[in-house]
N, C-alpha and C. Protein backbone atom coordinates (compact mmCIF):
# COMPACT_ATOMS: atom_id res chain seq x y z
N MET A 1 0.83 -1.16 0.00
CA MET A 1 0.00 0.00 0.00
C MET A 1 0.89 1.24 0.00
N LYS A 2 0.55 2.21 -0.80
CA LYS A 2 1.33 3.43 -0.97
C LYS A 2 0.90 4.47 0.06
N ALA A 3 1.86 5.05 0.77
CA ALA A 3 1.54 6.07 1.77
C ALA A 3 1.41 7.42 1.08
N HIS A 4 0.41 8.20 1.48
CA HIS A 4 0.19 9.54 0.93
C HIS A 4 0.30 10.57 2.05
N ILE A 5 0.95 11.68 1.74
CA ILE A 5 1.05 12.78 2.69
C ILE A 5 -0.09 13.74 2.38
N PRO A 6 -0.89 14.09 3.36
CA PRO A 6 -1.98 15.04 3.12
C PRO A 6 -1.43 16.35 2.55
N ILE A 7 -2.14 16.94 1.63
CA ILE A 7 -1.70 18.15 0.94
C ILE A 7 -1.44 19.29 1.91
N ASN A 8 -2.26 19.42 2.95
CA ASN A 8 -2.05 20.53 3.89
C ASN A 8 -0.76 20.35 4.68
N VAL A 9 -0.36 19.13 4.98
CA VAL A 9 0.91 18.87 5.68
C VAL A 9 2.08 19.21 4.76
N ALA A 10 2.01 18.82 3.52
CA ALA A 10 3.07 19.10 2.55
C ALA A 10 3.22 20.59 2.33
N LEU A 11 2.13 21.32 2.18
CA LEU A 11 2.19 22.76 1.98
C LEU A 11 2.75 23.47 3.21
N THR A 12 2.35 23.04 4.40
CA THR A 12 2.86 23.63 5.64
C THR A 12 4.37 23.44 5.73
N ALA A 13 4.84 22.26 5.42
CA ALA A 13 6.28 21.98 5.45
C ALA A 13 7.03 22.86 4.45
N LEU A 14 6.45 23.06 3.29
CA LEU A 14 7.06 23.89 2.26
C LEU A 14 7.15 25.34 2.71
N VAL A 15 6.10 25.85 3.34
CA VAL A 15 6.08 27.22 3.83
C VAL A 15 7.13 27.41 4.92
N ILE A 16 7.25 26.46 5.82
CA ILE A 16 8.24 26.55 6.90
C ILE A 16 9.65 26.50 6.32
N LEU A 17 9.88 25.65 5.35
CA LEU A 17 11.19 25.55 4.71
C LEU A 17 11.55 26.86 4.02
N ALA A 18 10.61 27.44 3.31
CA ALA A 18 10.87 28.70 2.60
C ALA A 18 11.13 29.84 3.57
N ALA A 19 10.41 29.85 4.69
CA ALA A 19 10.55 30.93 5.67
C ALA A 19 11.89 30.88 6.39
N THR A 20 12.48 29.71 6.53
CA THR A 20 13.74 29.58 7.27
C THR A 20 14.96 29.53 6.36
N ALA A 21 14.76 29.52 5.07
CA ALA A 21 15.88 29.46 4.13
C ALA A 21 16.64 30.79 4.13
N SER A 22 17.93 30.72 3.92
CA SER A 22 18.76 31.93 3.85
C SER A 22 18.50 32.65 2.55
N PRO A 23 18.57 33.96 2.56
CA PRO A 23 18.38 34.71 1.31
C PRO A 23 19.54 34.43 0.36
N VAL A 24 19.29 34.55 -0.93
CA VAL A 24 20.30 34.32 -1.96
C VAL A 24 20.68 35.66 -2.53
N TYR A 25 21.98 35.92 -2.59
CA TYR A 25 22.48 37.17 -3.13
C TYR A 25 23.35 36.88 -4.35
N ALA A 26 23.38 37.83 -5.28
CA ALA A 26 24.27 37.70 -6.43
C ALA A 26 25.71 37.72 -5.93
N GLN A 27 26.56 36.89 -6.50
CA GLN A 27 27.95 36.83 -6.07
C GLN A 27 28.79 37.94 -6.69
N CYS A 28 28.31 38.54 -7.75
CA CYS A 28 29.02 39.66 -8.34
C CYS A 28 28.01 40.54 -9.05
N SER A 29 28.33 41.80 -9.18
CA SER A 29 27.45 42.70 -9.90
C SER A 29 28.25 43.40 -10.98
N ALA A 30 27.59 43.72 -12.06
CA ALA A 30 28.27 44.32 -13.20
C ALA A 30 28.63 45.78 -12.92
N PRO A 31 29.86 46.17 -13.25
CA PRO A 31 30.21 47.58 -13.13
C PRO A 31 29.34 48.41 -14.08
N LYS A 32 29.16 49.67 -13.75
CA LYS A 32 28.30 50.54 -14.55
C LYS A 32 28.95 50.95 -15.88
N TYR A 33 30.28 51.07 -15.89
CA TYR A 33 30.98 51.57 -17.07
C TYR A 33 32.04 50.57 -17.55
N VAL A 34 32.46 50.73 -18.80
CA VAL A 34 33.51 49.89 -19.39
C VAL A 34 34.88 50.27 -18.82
N SER A 35 35.08 51.54 -18.50
CA SER A 35 36.37 51.99 -17.97
C SER A 35 36.68 51.30 -16.65
N GLY A 36 37.95 50.96 -16.47
CA GLY A 36 38.38 50.31 -15.23
C GLY A 36 39.33 49.16 -15.52
N ALA A 37 39.63 48.39 -14.49
CA ALA A 37 40.57 47.27 -14.60
C ALA A 37 39.87 46.01 -15.09
N TRP A 38 40.47 45.34 -16.06
CA TRP A 38 39.98 44.07 -16.61
C TRP A 38 41.09 43.04 -16.44
N GLN A 39 40.72 41.80 -16.14
CA GLN A 39 41.67 40.69 -16.04
C GLN A 39 41.54 39.82 -17.29
N ALA A 40 42.66 39.40 -17.85
CA ALA A 40 42.62 38.59 -19.07
C ALA A 40 43.18 37.19 -18.81
N ASN A 41 42.88 36.29 -19.74
CA ASN A 41 43.35 34.91 -19.62
C ASN A 41 44.85 34.78 -19.84
N ASP A 42 45.53 35.85 -20.23
CA ASP A 42 47.00 35.82 -20.37
C ASP A 42 47.70 36.22 -19.07
N GLY A 43 46.93 36.40 -17.99
CA GLY A 43 47.49 36.76 -16.70
C GLY A 43 47.70 38.25 -16.50
N GLY A 44 47.36 39.03 -17.50
CA GLY A 44 47.57 40.47 -17.41
C GLY A 44 46.37 41.23 -16.88
N THR A 45 46.63 42.47 -16.50
CA THR A 45 45.59 43.41 -16.11
C THR A 45 45.58 44.53 -17.14
N TYR A 46 44.40 44.84 -17.63
CA TYR A 46 44.23 45.86 -18.66
C TYR A 46 43.41 47.00 -18.07
N HIS A 47 43.99 48.19 -18.08
CA HIS A 47 43.32 49.36 -17.53
C HIS A 47 42.69 50.13 -18.69
N LEU A 48 41.37 49.97 -18.84
CA LEU A 48 40.63 50.58 -19.95
C LEU A 48 40.08 51.94 -19.56
N HIS A 49 40.01 52.81 -20.57
CA HIS A 49 39.37 54.11 -20.40
C HIS A 49 38.60 54.41 -21.68
N ALA A 50 37.30 54.60 -21.55
CA ALA A 50 36.45 54.92 -22.69
C ALA A 50 36.21 56.43 -22.72
N VAL A 51 36.48 57.02 -23.89
CA VAL A 51 36.22 58.44 -24.12
C VAL A 51 35.31 58.50 -25.34
N GLY A 52 34.01 58.59 -25.09
CA GLY A 52 33.07 58.48 -26.20
C GLY A 52 33.15 57.09 -26.79
N ASP A 53 33.35 57.01 -28.10
CA ASP A 53 33.49 55.71 -28.77
C ASP A 53 34.93 55.22 -28.84
N THR A 54 35.86 55.98 -28.31
CA THR A 54 37.28 55.61 -28.33
C THR A 54 37.63 54.84 -27.05
N ILE A 55 38.28 53.69 -27.23
CA ILE A 55 38.71 52.86 -26.11
C ILE A 55 40.24 52.88 -26.06
N TRP A 56 40.77 53.24 -24.91
CA TRP A 56 42.21 53.23 -24.65
C TRP A 56 42.49 52.19 -23.59
N TRP A 57 43.67 51.57 -23.65
CA TRP A 57 44.09 50.73 -22.53
C TRP A 57 45.60 50.70 -22.41
N VAL A 58 46.03 50.36 -21.21
CA VAL A 58 47.40 49.96 -20.92
C VAL A 58 47.28 48.56 -20.34
N GLY A 59 47.92 47.59 -21.00
CA GLY A 59 47.92 46.21 -20.52
C GLY A 59 49.25 45.88 -19.87
N VAL A 60 49.21 45.26 -18.69
CA VAL A 60 50.42 44.98 -17.92
C VAL A 60 50.44 43.50 -17.53
N SER A 61 51.55 42.83 -17.82
CA SER A 61 51.69 41.42 -17.45
C SER A 61 51.62 41.26 -15.93
N GLY A 62 51.37 40.03 -15.48
CA GLY A 62 51.19 39.73 -14.07
C GLY A 62 52.41 39.98 -13.19
N ASP A 63 53.57 40.22 -13.79
CA ASP A 63 54.78 40.50 -13.01
C ASP A 63 55.09 42.01 -13.04
N ASP A 64 54.04 42.81 -12.92
CA ASP A 64 54.14 44.28 -12.93
C ASP A 64 54.70 44.82 -14.23
N GLY A 65 54.43 44.12 -15.32
CA GLY A 65 54.81 44.62 -16.63
C GLY A 65 56.22 44.32 -17.08
N ARG A 66 56.97 43.52 -16.32
CA ARG A 66 58.34 43.22 -16.73
C ARG A 66 58.39 42.35 -17.99
N THR A 67 57.44 41.41 -18.11
CA THR A 67 57.42 40.55 -19.30
C THR A 67 56.85 41.29 -20.50
N TRP A 68 55.77 42.02 -20.29
CA TRP A 68 55.19 42.84 -21.37
C TRP A 68 54.29 43.93 -20.80
N THR A 69 54.26 45.02 -21.52
CA THR A 69 53.31 46.11 -21.30
C THR A 69 52.91 46.59 -22.67
N ASN A 70 51.61 46.72 -22.90
CA ASN A 70 51.16 47.18 -24.21
C ASN A 70 50.13 48.29 -24.07
N VAL A 71 49.96 49.01 -25.16
CA VAL A 71 48.95 50.06 -25.23
C VAL A 71 48.02 49.74 -26.40
N PHE A 72 46.80 50.27 -26.32
CA PHE A 72 45.78 50.01 -27.34
C PHE A 72 44.95 51.27 -27.52
N ARG A 73 44.56 51.51 -28.76
CA ARG A 73 43.58 52.56 -29.08
C ARG A 73 42.63 51.97 -30.11
N GLY A 74 41.34 51.99 -29.78
CA GLY A 74 40.36 51.44 -30.69
C GLY A 74 39.08 52.26 -30.71
N THR A 75 38.22 51.91 -31.64
CA THR A 75 36.93 52.56 -31.78
C THR A 75 35.84 51.54 -31.58
N ARG A 76 34.88 51.88 -30.72
CA ARG A 76 33.75 51.00 -30.44
C ARG A 76 32.59 51.36 -31.35
N ASN A 77 32.04 50.33 -32.02
CA ASN A 77 30.85 50.47 -32.85
C ASN A 77 29.89 49.38 -32.41
N GLY A 78 28.91 49.72 -31.57
CA GLY A 78 28.03 48.70 -31.00
C GLY A 78 28.81 47.85 -30.02
N ASN A 79 28.82 46.54 -30.24
CA ASN A 79 29.57 45.65 -29.34
C ASN A 79 30.90 45.21 -29.94
N ILE A 80 31.37 45.88 -30.99
CA ILE A 80 32.65 45.56 -31.63
C ILE A 80 33.63 46.71 -31.42
N ILE A 81 34.86 46.36 -31.06
CA ILE A 81 35.94 47.34 -30.91
C ILE A 81 37.04 46.95 -31.89
N ASP A 82 37.40 47.87 -32.78
CA ASP A 82 38.51 47.68 -33.73
C ASP A 82 39.61 48.65 -33.36
N GLY A 83 40.86 48.16 -33.28
CA GLY A 83 41.94 49.07 -32.94
C GLY A 83 43.32 48.51 -33.16
N GLU A 84 44.30 49.29 -32.73
CA GLU A 84 45.71 48.92 -32.88
C GLU A 84 46.36 48.85 -31.51
N TRP A 85 47.31 47.93 -31.37
CA TRP A 85 48.04 47.75 -30.12
C TRP A 85 49.53 47.71 -30.42
N ALA A 86 50.33 47.98 -29.40
CA ALA A 86 51.79 47.87 -29.52
C ALA A 86 52.38 47.62 -28.15
N ASP A 87 53.41 46.76 -28.10
CA ASP A 87 54.17 46.57 -26.87
C ASP A 87 55.04 47.80 -26.67
N VAL A 88 55.15 48.25 -25.41
CA VAL A 88 55.97 49.42 -25.11
C VAL A 88 57.04 49.12 -24.05
N ARG A 89 57.00 47.90 -23.51
CA ARG A 89 57.98 47.50 -22.50
C ARG A 89 57.99 45.98 -22.42
N GLY A 90 59.13 45.40 -22.11
CA GLY A 90 59.18 43.97 -21.87
C GLY A 90 60.13 43.23 -22.77
N LYS A 91 59.91 41.92 -22.83
CA LYS A 91 60.81 41.02 -23.56
C LYS A 91 60.47 40.93 -25.04
N SER A 92 59.23 41.22 -25.42
CA SER A 92 58.86 41.16 -26.83
C SER A 92 58.34 42.51 -27.28
N TRP A 93 58.45 42.77 -28.55
CA TRP A 93 58.04 44.06 -29.09
C TRP A 93 57.10 43.83 -30.26
N GLY A 94 55.94 43.25 -29.95
CA GLY A 94 54.94 43.01 -30.98
C GLY A 94 54.05 44.22 -31.20
N ASN A 95 53.27 44.13 -32.26
CA ASN A 95 52.27 45.15 -32.56
C ASN A 95 51.30 44.58 -33.57
N GLY A 96 50.17 45.21 -33.72
CA GLY A 96 49.20 44.75 -34.70
C GLY A 96 47.83 45.36 -34.46
N THR A 97 46.83 44.68 -34.98
CA THR A 97 45.45 45.13 -34.83
C THR A 97 44.68 44.11 -34.00
N LEU A 98 43.59 44.55 -33.40
CA LEU A 98 42.69 43.67 -32.66
C LEU A 98 41.26 44.00 -33.01
N LYS A 99 40.45 42.96 -33.09
CA LYS A 99 39.00 43.10 -33.20
C LYS A 99 38.42 42.37 -32.00
N LEU A 100 37.65 43.09 -31.18
CA LEU A 100 37.12 42.56 -29.94
C LEU A 100 35.60 42.65 -29.93
N ARG A 101 34.98 41.68 -29.28
CA ARG A 101 33.53 41.72 -29.04
C ARG A 101 33.34 41.93 -27.55
N ILE A 102 32.57 42.95 -27.19
CA ILE A 102 32.34 43.25 -25.78
C ILE A 102 30.89 42.93 -25.44
N SER A 103 30.69 42.32 -24.28
CA SER A 103 29.34 41.97 -23.79
C SER A 103 29.09 42.74 -22.51
N GLY A 104 28.24 43.74 -22.57
CA GLY A 104 27.94 44.55 -21.39
C GLY A 104 29.19 45.25 -20.88
N THR A 105 29.41 45.19 -19.58
CA THR A 105 30.59 45.83 -18.99
C THR A 105 31.47 44.82 -18.26
N THR A 106 31.25 43.51 -18.53
CA THR A 106 32.00 42.51 -17.76
C THR A 106 32.72 41.45 -18.59
N PHE A 107 32.52 41.39 -19.89
CA PHE A 107 33.18 40.34 -20.67
C PHE A 107 33.56 40.87 -22.04
N MET A 108 34.77 40.49 -22.49
CA MET A 108 35.26 40.90 -23.80
C MET A 108 36.07 39.74 -24.36
N GLU A 109 36.01 39.54 -25.68
CA GLU A 109 36.78 38.46 -26.30
C GLU A 109 37.37 38.92 -27.62
N LYS A 110 38.54 38.38 -27.92
CA LYS A 110 39.21 38.65 -29.19
C LYS A 110 38.53 37.84 -30.28
N ILE A 111 38.14 38.49 -31.36
CA ILE A 111 37.52 37.77 -32.49
C ILE A 111 38.32 37.91 -33.77
N GLY A 112 39.40 38.67 -33.72
CA GLY A 112 40.25 38.81 -34.90
C GLY A 112 41.43 39.70 -34.60
N GLY A 113 42.34 39.80 -35.55
CA GLY A 113 43.49 40.66 -35.38
C GLY A 113 44.65 40.25 -36.26
N THR A 114 45.66 41.11 -36.32
CA THR A 114 46.87 40.84 -37.09
C THR A 114 48.07 41.10 -36.19
N GLY A 115 49.24 40.75 -36.67
CA GLY A 115 50.46 41.00 -35.91
C GLY A 115 50.88 39.77 -35.13
N SER A 116 51.86 39.97 -34.26
CA SER A 116 52.39 38.83 -33.51
C SER A 116 52.59 39.19 -32.05
N GLY A 117 52.47 38.17 -31.22
CA GLY A 117 52.80 38.32 -29.82
C GLY A 117 51.69 38.69 -28.88
N PHE A 118 50.47 38.95 -29.37
CA PHE A 118 49.40 39.31 -28.44
C PHE A 118 48.74 38.04 -27.91
N GLY A 119 48.76 37.85 -26.58
CA GLY A 119 48.31 36.60 -25.98
C GLY A 119 46.89 36.57 -25.46
N GLY A 120 46.32 37.73 -25.13
CA GLY A 120 44.98 37.76 -24.53
C GLY A 120 43.89 37.36 -25.51
N LYS A 121 42.96 36.54 -25.04
CA LYS A 121 41.81 36.14 -25.86
C LYS A 121 40.48 36.47 -25.19
N ARG A 122 40.47 36.48 -23.83
CA ARG A 122 39.24 36.75 -23.07
C ARG A 122 39.56 37.65 -21.88
N TRP A 123 38.66 38.61 -21.63
CA TRP A 123 38.80 39.53 -20.52
C TRP A 123 37.52 39.52 -19.70
N GLY A 124 37.66 39.69 -18.40
CA GLY A 124 36.50 39.78 -17.53
C GLY A 124 36.77 40.74 -16.39
N ARG A 125 35.67 41.13 -15.69
CA ARG A 125 35.84 42.04 -14.56
C ARG A 125 34.61 42.01 -13.67
N GLY A 126 34.66 42.74 -12.60
CA GLY A 126 33.52 42.86 -11.71
C GLY A 126 33.43 41.78 -10.67
N GLY A 127 34.53 41.06 -10.45
CA GLY A 127 34.51 40.00 -9.45
C GLY A 127 34.01 38.68 -10.00
N CYS A 128 33.57 38.65 -11.23
CA CYS A 128 33.08 37.42 -11.85
C CYS A 128 34.23 36.72 -12.55
N ASN A 129 34.25 35.43 -12.49
CA ASN A 129 35.33 34.66 -13.09
C ASN A 129 34.99 34.36 -14.55
N ASP A 130 35.08 35.41 -15.39
CA ASP A 130 34.70 35.25 -16.80
C ASP A 130 35.89 35.05 -17.72
N THR A 131 37.06 34.94 -17.20
CA THR A 131 38.24 34.87 -18.07
C THR A 131 38.74 33.45 -18.30
N GLN A 132 38.04 32.45 -17.82
CA GLN A 132 38.50 31.07 -17.95
C GLN A 132 38.31 30.55 -19.36
């Protein structure tokens, strides 16, 4: 014979469980602007500054820029940024172009480019682990 729990007992248990449960909070929130520090999958930190549709950055390797430091200037059109980069310090002296896709204010990815030596492919920020 199959045991049945009366519906009122089940509902009461559900209400008690919901009332004693801990609140759930977002673990990270999106920054309001694109400008600020971004972390990339190459171990570097990129300090972006948006001036209208122009995006500037200084990228610094994880060893305070001793391995590489680069600069970038690009133009944002919707969620695409096209621009040029160049190494200005470090062991390699690459340069070229980059085409990036930006999603909101917390994720960016490389979708094209020319030149040699640029290692970053994904950037994230805001406390979220989006660079993996």
